[in-house]
PDB file of N, CA and C in Angstrom:
ATOM      1  N   MET A   1     -10.911 -15.111   2.573  1.00  0.00           N
ATOM      2  CA  MET A   1     -11.160 -13.279   2.822  1.00  0.00           C
ATOM      3  C   MET A   1      -9.602 -13.858   3.348  1.00  0.00           C
ATOM      4  N   TRP A   2      -8.916 -14.339   4.005  1.00  0.00           N
ATOM      5  CA  TRP A   2      -7.185 -14.446   4.155  1.00  0.00           C
ATOM      6  C   TRP A   2      -6.158 -14.020   3.054  1.00  0.00           C
ATOM      7  N   ARG A   3      -6.367 -14.662   2.206  1.00  0.00           N
ATOM      8  CA  ARG A   3      -6.073 -15.167   0.446  1.00  0.00           C
ATOM      9  C   ARG A   3      -5.802 -13.073   0.558  1.00  0.00           C
ATOM     10  N   VAL A   4      -6.754 -12.189   0.688  1.00  0.00           N
ATOM     11  CA  VAL A   4      -6.811 -11.251  -0.406  1.00  0.00           C
ATOM     12  C   VAL A   4      -6.419 -11.389   0.696  1.00  0.00           C
ATOM     13  N   ALA A   5      -5.918 -10.459   2.661  1.00  0.00           N
ATOM     14  CA  ALA A   5      -5.609  -9.983   3.312  1.00  0.00           C
ATOM     15  C   ALA A   5      -4.120  -9.908   3.190  1.00  0.00           C
ATOM     16  N   GLY A   6      -3.816 -10.843   2.513  1.00  0.00           N
ATOM     17  CA  GLY A   6      -2.391 -11.358   3.031  1.00  0.00           C
ATOM     18  C   GLY A   6      -1.843 -10.706   1.904  1.00  0.00           C
ATOM     19  N   VAL A   7      -3.070 -10.350   0.136  1.00  0.00           N
ATOM     20  CA  VAL A   7      -1.975  -9.564  -0.812  1.00  0.00           C
ATOM     21  C   VAL A   7      -2.542  -8.318  -0.578  1.00  0.00           C
ATOM     22  N   THR A   8      -3.095  -8.476   0.289  1.00  0.00           N
ATOM     23  CA  THR A   8      -3.083  -6.328   0.683  1.00  0.00           C
ATOM     24  C   THR A   8      -2.053  -5.666   1.147  1.00  0.00           C
ATOM     25  N   PHE A   9      -1.411  -6.903   2.016  1.00  0.00           N
ATOM     26  CA  PHE A   9      -0.568  -7.260   3.440  1.00  0.00           C
ATOM     27  C   PHE A   9       0.580  -6.806   1.763  1.00  0.00           C
ATOM     28  N   ALA A  10       0.685  -7.732   1.337  1.00  0.00           N
ATOM     29  CA  ALA A  10       1.667  -7.754   0.096  1.00  0.00           C
ATOM     30  C   ALA A  10       2.001  -6.074   0.351  1.00  0.00           C
ATOM     31  N   ASN A  11       0.974  -6.651  -1.041  1.00  0.00           N
ATOM     32  CA  ASN A  11       1.196  -4.708  -0.979  1.00  0.00           C
ATOM     33  C   ASN A  11       1.073  -3.508  -0.811  1.00  0.00           C
ATOM     34  N   GLY A  12       1.121  -3.045   0.543  1.00  0.00           N
ATOM     35  CA  GLY A  12       1.410  -2.618   0.986  1.00  0.00           C
ATOM     36  C   GLY A  12       3.241  -2.265   1.716  1.00  0.00           C
ATOM     37  N   SER A  13       4.234  -3.681   0.974  1.00  0.00           N
ATOM     38  CA  SER A  13       5.258  -3.319   1.923  1.00  0.00           C
ATOM     39  C   SER A  13       6.247  -2.116   0.717  1.00  0.00           C
ATOM     40  N   ASP A  14       5.484  -2.271  -0.552  1.00  0.00           N
ATOM     41  CA  ASP A  14       6.007  -0.667  -0.880  1.00  0.00           C
ATOM     42  C   ASP A  14       6.677   0.772  -0.139  1.00  0.00           C
ATOM     43  N   ASN A  15       5.472   0.283   0.815  1.00  0.00           N
ATOM     44  CA  ASN A  15       5.592   2.440   2.200  1.00  0.00           C
ATOM     45  C   ASN A  15       6.296   1.684   2.742  1.00  0.00           C
ATOM     46  N   ILE A  16       7.401   0.421   2.764  1.00  0.00           N
ATOM     47  CA  ILE A  16       8.513   0.820   3.732  1.00  0.00           C
ATOM     48  C   ILE A  16       9.371   1.913   4.033  1.00  0.00           C
ATOM     49  N   GLY A  17       9.430   2.409   3.271  1.00  0.00           N
ATOM     50  CA  GLY A  17      10.347   3.617   2.624  1.00  0.00           C
ATOM     51  C   GLY A  17       9.795   4.597   3.204  1.00  0.00           C
ATOM     52  N   VAL A  18       8.398   5.052   3.057  1.00  0.00           N
ATOM     53  CA  VAL A  18       7.847   5.845   4.082  1.00  0.00           C
ATOM     54  C   VAL A  18       7.637   6.291   5.391  1.00  0.00           C
ATOM     55  N   TYR A  19       7.451   4.755   5.460  1.00  0.00           N
ATOM     56  CA  TYR A  19       7.146   4.581   6.780  1.00  0.00           C
ATOM     57  C   TYR A  19       8.656   4.818   7.887  1.00  0.00           C
ATOM     58  N   ALA A  20       9.373   3.824   7.671  1.00  0.00           N
ATOM     59  CA  ALA A  20      10.469   3.591   8.143  1.00  0.00           C
ATOM     60  C   ALA A  20      10.921   4.461   8.775  1.00  0.00           C
ATOM     61  N   PRO A  21      11.120   5.908   8.152  1.00  0.00           N
ATOM     62  CA  PRO A  21      11.805   7.296   9.325  1.00  0.00           C
ATOM     63  C   PRO A  21      11.142   7.005  10.327  1.00  0.00           C
ATOM     64  N   LEU A  22       9.110   7.107  10.536  1.00  0.00           N
ATOM     65  CA  LEU A  22       8.330   7.307  11.635  1.00  0.00           C
ATOM     66  C   LEU A  22       8.422   6.409  11.951  1.00  0.00           C
ATOM     67  N   LEU A  23       8.914   5.359  11.802  1.00  0.00           N
ATOM     68  CA  LEU A  23       8.204   4.313  12.925  1.00  0.00           C
ATOM     69  C   LEU A  23      10.214   3.915  13.679  1.00  0.00           C
ATOM     70  N   ALA A  24      11.158   4.075  13.619  1.00  0.00           N
ATOM     71  CA  ALA A  24      12.643   4.931  13.441  1.00  0.00           C
ATOM     72  C   ALA A  24      12.137   4.914  14.883  1.00  0.00           C
ATOM     73  N   VAL A  25      11.432   6.119  14.949  1.00  0.00           N
ATOM     74  CA  VAL A  25      12.206   6.838  16.061  1.00  0.00           C
ATOM     75  C   VAL A  25      10.220   7.111  17.062  1.00  0.00           C
ATOM     76  N   ALA A  26       9.410   5.975  16.656  1.00  0.00           N
ATOM     77  CA  ALA A  26       8.526   5.783  17.335  1.00  0.00           C
ATOM     78  C   ALA A  26       8.050   5.183  18.097  1.00  0.00           C
ATOM     79  N   THR A  27       7.507   5.280  19.407  1.00  0.00           N
ATOM     80  CA  THR A  27       7.586   4.277  20.496  1.00  0.00           C
ATOM     81  C   THR A  27       6.993   3.129  20.946  1.00  0.00           C
ATOM     82  N   ALA A  28       6.825   2.060  21.138  1.00  0.00           N
ATOM     83  CA  ALA A  28       6.005   0.873  21.239  1.00  0.00           C
ATOM     84  C   ALA A  28       4.822   1.286  21.320  1.00  0.00           C
ATOM     85  N   GLY A  29       3.964   2.080  22.340  1.00  0.00           N
ATOM     86  CA  GLY A  29       2.679   3.069  21.514  1.00  0.00           C
ATOM     87  C   GLY A  29       1.995   2.580  21.317  1.00  0.00           C
ATOM     88  N   ALA A  30       2.824   4.005  20.408  1.00  0.00           N
ATOM     89  CA  ALA A  30       2.434   3.970  18.589  1.00  0.00           C
ATOM     90  C   ALA A  30       2.592   2.754  17.924  1.00  0.00           C
ATOM     91  N   MET A  31       3.906   2.205  18.192  1.00  0.00           N
ATOM     92  CA  MET A  31       3.770   1.284  16.873  1.00  0.00           C
ATOM     93  C   MET A  31       2.747   0.617  17.235  1.00  0.00           C
ATOM     94  N   PHE A  32       2.482   0.156  18.449  1.00  0.00           N
ATOM     95  CA  PHE A  32       1.249  -0.398  18.526  1.00  0.00           C
ATOM     96  C   PHE A  32      -0.116  -0.112  17.667  1.00  0.00           C
ATOM     97  N   VAL A  33      -0.518   1.109  17.976  1.00  0.00           N
ATOM     98  CA  VAL A  33      -1.475   2.326  17.404  1.00  0.00           C
ATOM     99  C   VAL A  33      -1.718   2.044  15.628  1.00  0.00           C
ATOM    100  N   TYR A  34       0.136   2.075  15.801  1.00  0.00           N
ATOM    101  CA  TYR A  34       0.220   1.929  13.609  1.00  0.00           C
ATOM    102  C   TYR A  34      -0.325   1.075  13.780  1.00  0.00           C
ATOM    103  N   THR A  35       0.254  -0.089  14.462  1.00  0.00           N
ATOM    104  CA  THR A  35      -0.347  -1.135  13.603  1.00  0.00           C
ATOM    105  C   THR A  35      -1.847  -1.724  13.206  1.00  0.00           C
ATOM    106  N   ALA A  36      -2.334  -1.574  14.425  1.00  0.00           N
ATOM    107  CA  ALA A  36      -3.860  -1.587  14.995  1.00  0.00           C
ATOM    108  C   ALA A  36      -4.782  -0.753  14.081  1.00  0.00           C
ATOM    109  N   VAL A  37      -4.508  -0.202  13.938  1.00  0.00           N
ATOM    110  CA  VAL A  37      -4.607   0.636  12.400  1.00  0.00           C
ATOM    111  C   VAL A  37      -5.547   0.389  11.339  1.00  0.00           C
ATOM    112  N   PHE A  38      -3.734  -0.176  11.386  1.00  0.00           N
ATOM    113  CA  PHE A  38      -3.712  -0.455   9.655  1.00  0.00           C
ATOM    114  C   PHE A  38      -4.012  -1.793   9.697  1.00  0.00           C
ATOM    115  N   LEU A  39      -3.989  -2.898  10.479  1.00  0.00           N
ATOM    116  CA  LEU A  39      -4.867  -3.883  10.047  1.00  0.00           C
ATOM    117  C   LEU A  39      -6.414  -3.272  10.134  1.00  0.00           C
ATOM    118  N   VAL A  40      -6.974  -3.254  11.162  1.00  0.00           N
ATOM    119  CA  VAL A  40      -8.259  -2.628  11.207  1.00  0.00           C
ATOM    120  C   VAL A  40      -9.019  -2.335   9.502  1.00  0.00           C
ATOM    121  N   GLY A  41      -7.937  -1.407   9.388  1.00  0.00           N
ATOM    122  CA  GLY A  41      -8.092  -0.942   8.079  1.00  0.00           C
ATOM    123  C   GLY A  41      -8.394  -1.510   6.903  1.00  0.00           C
ATOM    124  N   VAL A  42      -7.652  -2.733   7.479  1.00  0.00           N
ATOM    125  CA  VAL A  42      -7.023  -3.635   5.712  1.00  0.00           C
ATOM    126  C   VAL A  42      -8.731  -5.076   6.181  1.00  0.00           C
ATOM    127  N   ALA A  43      -8.888  -5.057   7.203  1.00  0.00           N
ATOM    128  CA  ALA A  43     -10.070  -5.872   7.836  1.00  0.00           C
ATOM    129  C   ALA A  43     -10.784  -5.149   6.751  1.00  0.00           C
ATOM    130  N   VAL A  44     -11.547  -3.229   7.273  1.00  0.00           N
ATOM    131  CA  VAL A  44     -12.152  -2.547   6.974  1.00  0.00           C
ATOM    132  C   VAL A  44     -12.775  -3.220   5.439  1.00  0.00           C
ATOM    133  N   TRP A  45     -11.068  -3.331   4.260  1.00  0.00           N
ATOM    134  CA  TRP A  45     -11.148  -3.170   2.959  1.00  0.00           C
ATOM    135  C   TRP A  45     -12.148  -4.539   3.130  1.00  0.00           C
ATOM    136  N   CYS A  46     -11.067  -5.729   3.119  1.00  0.00           N
ATOM    137  CA  CYS A  46     -11.486  -6.744   2.783  1.00  0.00           C
ATOM    138  C   CYS A  46     -13.521  -6.606   3.134  1.00  0.00           C
ATOM    139  N   ALA A  47     -13.585  -6.853   4.750  1.00  0.00           N
ATOM    140  CA  ALA A  47     -15.455  -6.785   4.623  1.00  0.00           C
ATOM    141  C   ALA A  47     -16.205  -6.481   3.344  1.00  0.00           C
ATOM    142  N   ALA A  48     -15.678  -4.962   3.467  1.00  0.00           N
ATOM    143  CA  ALA A  48     -16.053  -4.386   1.841  1.00  0.00           C
ATOM    144  C   ALA A  48     -16.389  -5.241   0.790  1.00  0.00           C
ATOM    145  N   GLY A  49     -15.233  -5.179   0.030  1.00  0.00           N
ATOM    146  CA  GLY A  49     -14.263  -6.435  -0.627  1.00  0.00           C
ATOM    147  C   GLY A  49     -15.847  -7.805  -0.984  1.00  0.00           C
ATOM    148  N   LYS A  50     -15.897  -8.465  -0.080  1.00  0.00           N
ATOM    149  CA  LYS A  50     -16.329  -9.107   0.157  1.00  0.00           C
ATOM    150  C   LYS A  50     -18.255  -9.380   0.396  1.00  0.00           C
ATOM    151  N   TYR A  51     -18.554  -7.509   1.106  1.00  0.00           N
ATOM    152  CA  TYR A  51     -19.832  -7.506   1.024  1.00  0.00           C
ATOM    153  C   TYR A  51     -20.061  -6.858  -0.426  1.00  0.00           C
ATOM    154  N   PHE A  52     -19.580  -6.814  -2.121  1.00  0.00           N
ATOM    155  CA  PHE A  52     -20.269  -5.728  -2.417  1.00  0.00           C
ATOM    156  C   PHE A  52     -19.730  -7.126  -3.312  1.00  0.00           C
ATOM    157  N   ALA A  53     -18.279  -8.160  -3.737  1.00  0.00           N
ATOM    158  CA  ALA A  53     -18.843  -9.073  -4.440  1.00  0.00           C
ATOM    159  C   ALA A  53     -20.049 -10.216  -4.578  1.00  0.00           C
ATOM    160  N   SER A  54     -20.634  -9.934  -3.001  1.00  0.00           N
ATOM    161  CA  SER A  54     -21.107 -10.962  -2.732  1.00  0.00           C
ATOM    162  C   SER A  54     -22.634 -10.808  -3.167  1.00  0.00           C
ATOM    163  N   HIS A  55     -22.863  -9.034  -2.745  1.00  0.00           N
ATOM    164  CA  HIS A  55     -24.139  -8.610  -3.106  1.00  0.00           C
ATOM    165  C   HIS A  55     -24.261  -9.071  -4.266  1.00  0.00           C
ATOM    166  N   ARG A  56     -25.497  -9.003  -4.509  1.00  0.00           N
ATOM    167  CA  ARG A  56     -26.166  -9.481  -6.244  1.00  0.00           C
ATOM    168  C   ARG A  56     -25.905  -8.867  -7.093  1.00  0.00           C
ATOM    169  N   LEU A  57     -26.583  -8.095  -6.814  1.00  0.00           N
ATOM    170  CA  LEU A  57     -27.003  -6.549  -8.081  1.00  0.00           C
ATOM    171  C   LEU A  57     -25.742  -6.389  -8.718  1.00  0.00           C
ATOM    172  N   ILE A  58     -25.146  -5.803  -7.497  1.00  0.00           N
ATOM    173  CA  ILE A  58     -23.499  -4.823  -7.577  1.00  0.00           C
ATOM    174  C   ILE A  58     -22.322  -6.130  -8.305  1.00  0.00           C
ATOM    175  N   ALA A  59     -22.165  -7.507  -7.695  1.00  0.00           N
ATOM    176  CA  ALA A  59     -22.264  -8.338  -8.112  1.00  0.00           C
ATOM    177  C   ALA A  59     -22.304  -9.017  -9.734  1.00  0.00           C
ATOM    178  N   LYS A  60     -23.007  -8.364  -9.802  1.00  0.00           N
ATOM    179  CA  LYS A  60     -24.087  -8.430 -11.369  1.00  0.00           C
ATOM    180  C   LYS A  60     -23.307  -7.471 -12.327  1.00  0.00           C
ATOM    181  N   ALA A  61     -23.797  -6.513 -11.322  1.00  0.00           N
ATOM    182  CA  ALA A  61     -23.066  -5.365 -12.761  1.00  0.00           C
ATOM    183  C   ALA A  61     -21.744  -5.038 -12.828  1.00  0.00           C
ATOM    184  N   LEU A  62     -21.062  -5.915 -12.112  1.00  0.00           N
ATOM    185  CA  LEU A  62     -19.282  -5.826 -11.718  1.00  0.00           C
ATOM    186  C   LEU A  62     -19.348  -7.143 -12.306  1.00  0.00           C
ATOM    187  N   ALA A  63     -19.348  -7.774 -12.431  1.00  0.00           N
ATOM    188  CA  ALA A  63     -19.149  -9.034 -14.166  1.00  0.00           C
ATOM    189  C   ALA A  63     -19.826  -8.723 -15.197  1.00  0.00           C
ATOM    190  N   ARG A  64     -20.453  -7.543 -15.763  1.00  0.00           N
ATOM    191  CA  ARG A  64     -20.485  -7.606 -17.075  1.00  0.00           C
ATOM    192  C   ARG A  64     -19.474  -5.932 -17.243  1.00  0.00           C
ATOM    193  N   TRP A  65     -19.604  -4.765 -16.143  1.00  0.00           N
ATOM    194  CA  TRP A  65     -19.263  -3.891 -16.450  1.00  0.00           C
ATOM    195  C   TRP A  65     -17.736  -4.013 -15.368  1.00  0.00           C
ATOM    196  N   GLY A  66     -17.380  -4.823 -15.489  1.00  0.00           N
ATOM    197  CA  GLY A  66     -15.938  -4.625 -14.650  1.00  0.00           C
ATOM    198  C   GLY A  66     -14.693  -4.790 -15.243  1.00  0.00           C
ATOM    199  N   HIS A  67     -14.421  -5.203 -16.014  1.00  0.00           N
ATOM    200  CA  HIS A  67     -13.139  -4.575 -17.104  1.00  0.00           C
ATOM    201  C   HIS A  67     -12.903  -3.510 -17.775  1.00  0.00           C
ATOM    202  N   ILE A  68     -14.245  -3.359 -17.809  1.00  0.00           N
ATOM    203  CA  ILE A  68     -14.151  -1.670 -18.488  1.00  0.00           C
ATOM    204  C   ILE A  68     -13.748  -0.679 -17.142  1.00  0.00           C
ATOM    205  N   VAL A  69     -14.454  -1.353 -16.280  1.00  0.00           N
ATOM    206  CA  VAL A  69     -14.936   0.313 -15.110  1.00  0.00           C
ATOM    207  C   VAL A  69     -13.839   0.365 -14.115  1.00  0.00           C
ATOM    208  N   LEU A  70     -13.322  -1.057 -14.246  1.00  0.00           N
ATOM    209  CA  LEU A  70     -11.400  -0.557 -13.182  1.00  0.00           C
ATOM    210  C   LEU A  70     -10.630   0.536 -14.032  1.00  0.00           C
ATOM    211  N   PRO A  71     -10.192  -0.410 -15.415  1.00  0.00           N
ATOM    212  CA  PRO A  71      -9.477   0.729 -15.963  1.00  0.00           C
ATOM    213  C   PRO A  71      -9.245   1.933 -16.080  1.00  0.00           C
ATOM    214  N   VAL A  72     -10.868   2.704 -16.044  1.00  0.00           N
ATOM    215  CA  VAL A  72     -11.044   3.122 -15.727  1.00  0.00           C
ATOM    216  C   VAL A  72     -11.343   4.992 -14.511  1.00  0.00           C
ATOM    217  N   ALA A  73     -11.263   3.927 -13.836  1.00  0.00           N
ATOM    218  CA  ALA A  73     -11.655   4.590 -12.694  1.00  0.00           C
ATOM    219  C   ALA A  73      -9.637   4.848 -12.456  1.00  0.00           C
ATOM    220  N   LEU A  74      -9.301   3.417 -12.777  1.00  0.00           N
ATOM    221  CA  LEU A  74      -7.657   3.489 -11.895  1.00  0.00           C
ATOM    222  C   LEU A  74      -6.597   5.339 -12.318  1.00  0.00           C
ATOM    223  N   ILE A  75      -7.458   4.986 -13.931  1.00  0.00           N
ATOM    224  CA  ILE A  75      -6.576   5.963 -15.217  1.00  0.00           C
ATOM    225  C   ILE A  75      -7.242   6.679 -13.876  1.00  0.00           C
ATOM    226  N   ALA A  76      -8.538   7.419 -13.853  1.00  0.00           N
ATOM    227  CA  ALA A  76      -8.709   8.347 -13.557  1.00  0.00           C
ATOM    228  C   ALA A  76      -8.236   8.736 -11.946  1.00  0.00           C
ATOM    229  N   ILE A  77      -8.132   7.777 -11.394  1.00  0.00           N
ATOM    230  CA  ILE A  77      -6.850   8.706  -9.739  1.00  0.00           C
ATOM    231  C   ILE A  77      -5.850   8.942 -10.286  1.00  0.00           C
ATOM    232  N   GLY A  78      -5.295   7.446 -11.084  1.00  0.00           N
ATOM    233  CA  GLY A  78      -3.460   8.106 -11.472  1.00  0.00           C
ATOM    234  C   GLY A  78      -3.823   9.892 -11.852  1.00  0.00           C
ATOM    235  N   LEU A  79      -4.864  10.317 -13.132  1.00  0.00           N
ATOM    236  CA  LEU A  79      -5.040  11.745 -13.090  1.00  0.00           C
ATOM    237  C   LEU A  79      -4.746  12.151 -12.398  1.00  0.00           C
ATOM    238  N   ALA A  80      -6.272  12.407 -11.705  1.00  0.00           N
ATOM    239  CA  ALA A  80      -6.390  13.052 -10.511  1.00  0.00           C
ATOM    240  C   ALA A  80      -5.018  13.234  -9.113  1.00  0.00           C
ATOM    241  N   ILE A  81      -4.124  12.105  -9.671  1.00  0.00           N
ATOM    242  CA  ILE A  81      -2.993  12.429  -7.971  1.00  0.00           C
ATOM    243  C   ILE A  81      -1.718  13.229  -9.584  1.00  0.00           C
ATOM    244  N   LEU A  82      -1.841  12.654 -10.779  1.00  0.00           N
ATOM    245  CA  LEU A  82      -0.867  13.572 -10.951  1.00  0.00           C
ATOM    246  C   LEU A  82      -0.881  15.055 -11.353  1.00  0.00           C
ATOM    247  N   PHE A  83      -2.525  15.613 -10.774  1.00  0.00           N
ATOM    248  CA  PHE A  83      -3.597  16.987 -12.043  1.00  0.00           C
ATOM    249  C   PHE A  83      -2.927  17.118 -10.918  1.00  0.00           C
ATOM    250  N   GLY A  84      -4.231  17.349  -9.868  1.00  0.00           N
ATOM    251  CA  GLY A  84      -4.515  17.644  -8.649  1.00  0.00           C
ATOM    252  C   GLY A  84      -4.188  17.571  -7.084  1.00  0.00           C
ATOM    253  N   GLY A  85      -2.228  17.768  -7.818  1.00  0.00           N
ATOM    254  CA  GLY A  85      -1.318  18.242  -6.633  1.00  0.00           C
ATOM    255  C   GLY A  85      -1.305  17.137  -5.621  1.00  0.00           C
TER     256      GLY A  85
END
């Protein structure tokens, strides 16, 4: 779980360009809230991933169809972002 949390944290580092202006003017209290919300969000994603990966039926379906479903889902999300506005 800690490895997944670390990778998630590292992958979020590209958002520094987005959040730097916000954090530059934020008070200490606001920065605490932003950090807490981020860490809670990471914990929720890690818990959901662990649950889905360890659930017998879901894990079996992911093992069988994951190599097809994941690329299709990522392409669909990308197209929705590009054309959905």
